[in-house]
Protein backbone atom coordinates (compact mmCIF):
# COMPACT_ATOMS: atom_id res chain seq x y z
CA LEU A 1 114.89 156.62 142.59
CA ALA A 2 112.24 153.83 141.43
CA GLN A 3 113.92 151.04 143.54
CA ILE A 4 114.81 153.20 146.57
CA SER A 5 110.93 153.81 146.80
CA ALA A 6 110.55 150.00 146.85
CA GLY A 7 112.68 149.48 149.74
CA LEU A 8 111.40 152.31 151.30
CA PRO A 9 108.62 150.57 153.25
CA THR A 10 110.07 147.81 154.93
CA LEU A 11 112.85 150.65 156.22
CA LEU A 12 110.38 152.93 157.59
CA VAL A 13 107.77 150.15 159.14
CA GLY A 14 111.30 149.24 161.09
CA ILE A 15 111.86 152.45 162.31
CA LEU A 16 108.32 153.48 162.92
CA MET A 17 106.83 150.37 164.21
CA THR A 18 107.95 146.80 166.02
CA ASN A 19 109.69 143.58 164.64
CA ALA A 20 106.49 141.78 164.20
CA ASP A 21 105.07 144.84 162.15
CA VAL A 22 108.29 144.43 160.02
CA GLY A 23 107.50 140.41 159.85
CA MET A 24 103.45 141.20 158.71
CA TYR A 25 104.69 143.34 156.02
CA THR A 26 107.23 141.38 155.05
CA ALA A 27 105.39 138.10 154.88
CA ALA A 28 102.39 140.18 152.79
CA ASN A 29 105.11 141.93 150.19
CA LYS A 30 106.96 138.38 149.78
CA LEU A 31 103.18 137.37 147.85
CA VAL A 32 103.36 140.70 146.20
CA ILE A 33 107.16 140.35 144.73
CA PHE A 34 106.23 136.63 143.24
CA LEU A 35 103.36 138.64 141.54
CA LEU A 36 105.33 141.27 140.45
CA MET A 37 106.98 138.74 138.13
CA LEU A 38 104.48 139.66 135.47
CA ASP A 39 105.77 143.14 135.74
CA ARG A 40 109.24 142.32 135.28
CA PHE A 41 108.09 139.88 132.36
CA VAL A 42 105.90 143.12 130.48
CA SER A 43 108.78 145.25 130.74
CA ILE A 44 111.44 143.06 129.41
CA LEU A 45 109.29 142.57 125.72
CA LEU A 46 107.15 146.35 125.81
CA LEU A 47 110.33 148.64 126.28
CA PRO A 48 112.28 147.10 123.17
CA ALA A 49 109.07 146.80 120.86
CA SER A 50 107.91 150.32 122.22
CA SER A 51 111.20 152.14 121.31
CA ARG A 52 111.28 149.94 117.61
CA ALA A 53 107.28 151.15 116.89
CA GLN A 54 108.55 155.10 117.82
CA ARG A 55 111.52 154.48 115.84
CA THR A 56 110.08 152.97 112.77
CA ASP A 57 106.07 153.86 112.73
CA PRO A 58 105.40 156.49 115.48
CA ALA A 59 101.64 156.21 114.82
CA ALA A 60 101.74 152.71 115.66
CA LEU A 61 102.96 153.52 119.76
CA ALA A 62 99.43 154.62 121.06
CA PRO A 63 98.10 151.15 119.96
CA LEU A 64 100.68 148.94 120.97
CA LEU A 65 100.61 150.60 124.25
CA GLY A 66 96.52 151.04 124.89
CA SER A 67 96.63 147.21 123.80
CA VAL A 68 99.45 146.17 126.35
CA LEU A 69 97.21 148.00 128.48
CA GLY A 70 93.90 146.49 127.63
CA TRP A 71 95.86 143.15 128.28
CA ILE A 72 97.28 144.00 131.23
CA VAL A 73 93.66 144.95 133.18
CA ILE A 74 92.08 141.67 131.78
CA ALA A 75 94.88 139.62 133.42
CA VAL A 76 96.03 141.73 136.61
CA LEU A 77 92.45 142.93 137.80
CA PRO A 78 91.08 139.14 138.78
CA ILE A 79 94.52 138.52 140.51
CA CYS A 80 94.09 141.57 142.60
CA VAL A 81 90.19 140.82 143.16
CA GLY A 82 91.34 137.41 143.91
CA GLY A 83 93.91 138.02 146.00
CA THR A 84 91.58 140.15 148.73
CA LEU A 85 89.13 137.53 148.61
CA LEU A 86 91.52 134.44 148.84
CA ALA A 87 94.15 136.48 151.49
CA ASP A 88 92.55 134.85 154.81
CA SER A 89 93.73 131.43 152.97
CA LEU A 90 96.53 132.48 151.17
CA ILE A 91 98.18 134.09 153.83
CA PRO A 92 98.16 131.25 156.70
CA LEU A 93 98.84 128.56 153.54
CA ALA A 94 102.15 130.11 152.53
CA PHE A 95 103.88 131.35 155.99
CA GLY A 96 101.20 129.53 158.87
CA GLN A 97 98.65 130.66 161.69
CA ASP A 98 101.44 132.82 163.21
CA PHE A 99 101.08 135.15 160.11
CA THR A 100 97.25 136.37 160.30
CA ALA A 101 97.75 139.75 160.95
CA ALA A 102 99.44 139.99 157.43
CA VAL A 103 96.21 138.99 155.67
CA VAL A 104 94.68 142.77 155.90
CA VAL A 105 98.17 143.84 155.07
CA PHE A 106 97.75 141.77 151.56
CA GLN A 107 94.84 142.58 150.86
CA ILE A 108 95.29 146.30 150.51
CA LEU A 109 99.11 145.61 148.85
CA VAL A 110 98.02 143.16 146.21
CA TRP A 111 96.28 146.44 144.44
CA PHE A 112 100.21 147.77 143.87
CA VAL A 113 100.32 145.03 141.46
CA LEU A 114 98.08 146.73 139.30
CA CYS A 115 99.18 149.95 139.66
CA THR A 116 102.62 149.76 139.04
CA MET A 117 102.11 147.38 135.78
CA LEU A 118 99.71 150.30 134.24
CA HIS A 119 103.08 152.74 135.27
CA THR A 120 104.97 149.79 133.52
CA VAL A 121 102.65 150.49 130.32
CA TYR A 122 103.38 154.68 130.64
CA THR A 123 107.20 154.24 131.48
CA ALA A 124 107.74 152.51 128.18
CA GLY A 125 106.08 154.93 125.94
CA MET A 126 107.65 157.92 127.61
CA ILE A 127 111.35 156.23 127.09
CA ALA A 128 110.49 155.31 123.86
CA ALA A 129 109.52 158.88 123.16
CA GLY A 130 112.90 159.91 124.24
CA ARG A 131 111.33 161.83 127.92
CA GLU A 132 113.90 160.06 130.23
CA LYS A 133 114.62 163.50 131.62
CA THR A 134 110.77 164.24 132.59
CA TYR A 135 110.41 160.32 133.44
CA GLY A 136 113.35 160.66 136.06
CA MET A 137 111.46 164.23 137.45
CA ILE A 138 108.38 162.08 137.98
CA MET A 139 110.29 159.43 139.87
CA GLY A 140 111.91 162.17 141.41
CA VAL A 141 108.71 163.41 143.10
CA SER A 142 107.30 159.83 142.87
CA GLY A 143 109.95 159.58 145.89
CA LEU A 144 109.24 162.19 147.96
CA ILE A 145 105.41 161.48 147.90
CA TYR A 146 106.40 157.82 149.17
CA CYS A 147 108.15 159.25 151.93
CA ALA A 148 105.53 161.74 153.02
CA ALA A 149 102.62 159.19 152.61
CA LEU A 150 104.39 156.49 154.57
CA ILE A 151 105.29 158.11 157.38
CA VAL A 152 101.83 159.53 157.68
CA GLY A 153 100.02 156.45 156.90
CA THR A 154 102.18 154.37 159.66
CA LYS A 155 102.15 156.79 161.83
CA LEU A 156 97.97 156.74 162.14
CA TYR A 157 97.21 153.22 161.27
CA GLY A 158 100.02 150.86 161.44
CA VAL A 159 101.64 148.30 158.70
CA PRO A 160 98.14 148.21 156.84
CA GLY A 161 98.33 152.25 156.46
CA ALA A 162 102.05 151.56 155.13
CA ALA A 163 100.73 149.10 152.65
CA GLY A 164 97.80 151.62 151.73
CA ALA A 165 100.31 154.42 151.69
CA VAL A 166 101.87 152.11 149.33
CA VAL A 167 99.52 151.89 146.79
CA VAL A 168 98.18 155.40 146.97
CA SER A 169 101.68 156.70 146.40
CA GLU A 170 102.23 154.48 143.53
CA ALA A 171 98.77 155.14 142.24
CA VAL A 172 99.66 159.21 141.94
CA THR A 173 102.84 157.94 140.22
CA MET A 174 100.77 156.32 137.78
CA LEU A 175 98.39 159.24 136.66
CA LEU A 176 101.46 161.62 136.78
CA MET A 177 103.36 159.56 134.42
CA ARG A 178 99.93 159.22 132.09
CA GLN A 179 99.26 162.84 132.47
CA LYS A 180 102.93 163.66 130.98
CA LEU A 181 102.93 160.88 128.54
CA SER A 182 99.46 161.92 127.21
CA ARG A 183 101.05 164.84 125.87
CA VAL A 184 103.06 163.19 123.64
CA VAL A 185 101.16 159.76 123.33
CA ARG A 186 97.72 159.37 124.15
CA VAL A 187 96.84 155.93 125.47
CA ARG A 188 93.35 154.70 125.17
CA PHE A 189 91.72 152.59 127.95
CA PRO A 190 90.49 149.10 126.37
CA ARG A 191 86.90 149.67 125.09
CA SER A 192 86.05 146.24 126.84
CA ILE A 193 86.43 147.41 130.32
CA ALA A 194 83.05 146.95 130.97
CA GLY A 195 83.15 143.53 130.07
CA ILE A 196 86.08 142.47 131.77
CA LEU A 197 84.93 144.26 134.95
CA ALA A 198 81.13 142.21 135.39
CA ALA A 199 83.59 139.23 134.16
CA THR A 200 85.64 140.26 137.48
CA LEU A 201 82.36 140.23 139.22
CA VAL A 202 81.51 137.06 138.57
CA MET A 203 84.36 135.49 139.44
CA GLY A 204 84.49 136.77 142.93
CA ALA A 205 81.33 135.78 143.09
CA VAL A 206 82.85 132.31 142.88
CA VAL A 207 84.63 132.76 144.64
CA VAL A 208 82.84 133.54 147.66
CA VAL A 209 79.99 131.39 146.73
CA LEU A 210 82.73 128.49 147.28
CA ALA A 211 84.33 129.98 150.22
CA SER A 212 83.82 126.61 152.73
CA THR A 213 85.50 124.54 149.72
CA PRO A 214 89.86 124.64 149.70
CA VAL A 215 91.37 127.50 148.38
CA GLY A 216 92.95 125.39 144.90
CA ILE A 217 89.32 124.94 144.10
CA ARG A 218 88.18 128.51 144.58
CA ILE A 219 91.17 129.47 142.61
CA VAL A 220 90.73 127.16 139.36
CA ALA A 221 86.57 128.29 139.69
CA GLY A 222 86.95 131.36 139.84
CA ILE A 223 89.68 131.37 136.63
CA VAL A 224 87.11 129.14 134.59
CA ALA A 225 84.44 131.30 135.37
CA TYR A 226 86.45 134.10 134.72
CA GLY A 227 87.36 132.87 131.32
CA ALA A 228 84.29 131.82 130.12
CA MET A 229 83.12 135.07 130.57
CA LEU A 230 85.72 136.73 128.77
CA ILE A 231 85.20 134.68 126.29
CA GLY A 232 81.14 134.68 126.62
CA THR A 233 81.29 138.26 126.07
CA ARG A 234 83.54 138.00 123.63
CA VAL A 235 86.34 140.59 125.38
CA VAL A 236 88.95 138.19 124.25
CA SER A 237 89.30 135.86 121.10
CA VAL A 238 91.74 133.79 119.97
CA GLN A 239 92.28 136.43 117.12
CA ASP A 240 93.58 138.83 119.80
CA MET A 241 95.83 136.70 121.14
CA SER A 242 97.06 135.97 117.79
CA ASP A 243 97.16 140.24 117.74
CA LEU A 244 98.81 140.45 120.64
CA SER A 245 101.90 137.62 119.65
CA LYS A 246 102.28 139.59 116.23
CA ARG A 247 103.04 142.67 117.93
CA PHE A 248 106.33 141.45 120.05
CA ALA A 249 107.59 139.12 117.54
C-alpha cells in the first residue's frame, strides 16, 4: 500500500497532465528520492532496535522513539528549509535550465521528506508494539487520501498541486499513525524544538544573505551556521551523540 501511494503521483500526473508536466514532477521527485536514502537508513536501524526494546524493556520504547524523533527533526528540518531556499540553484544544476519549472515542485515536495521520516518513527513504534493490523488499516485509508488529494490538487493547480497533495497526504497519514500509537506508546516531541527552530532560522538567513555566491558555498556556510547554533545553544552535545549510538549498539 505504501509503494502504491508512492507511485501514484507520477501515474496521475501522466493521466491528467502532459508529458512535459510528468518530466517536471519526475525531476523534482528524483532529488527527493535521493534524500529519502536517509529514511531508508533510519528505518533499517530503528525497526529492529524498537522491537528489541519492546521485547526486553517495554518502558524503553517511548524514550528510544522520542530520541530518534528529535534527531530526525535536527537533521531533516534544515534540509527541507535549505532545499526550499536553494531549489532555484539545485534544479538547474542537476537537470539544466530546461527544468526550471520543476523548482516550485521541488520546493513543495522536499517537505515530504520530513513528513515521511516522522511517519517512519511512528510506524516502527506501531510494528514493535504488535499493531500491524492497525498499521495496515491506516495505510489503506492513506491510499484513499492520496488518490483523492492528488486528483483534486492536480486538477486545480497542476504539477505544484500534485506535489502539495503528496505532502499534505503524507502529513495526514503521519498524524493518524501518531494518534493511534499514542494509545499504546506516548512519544514526546523534543523539548529542544525552540532551539532547533532558531538554528534553522539562522541557517536560512545565512543562505539568503549569500544569495549571490555559488550554491556550494551557500550550503557549506548554512551547515556551519546551523551546527554552531545547535552547539552554542546546547541543543546538541557530544554526549547526546554518544547516547544515540549506544541505543543502536
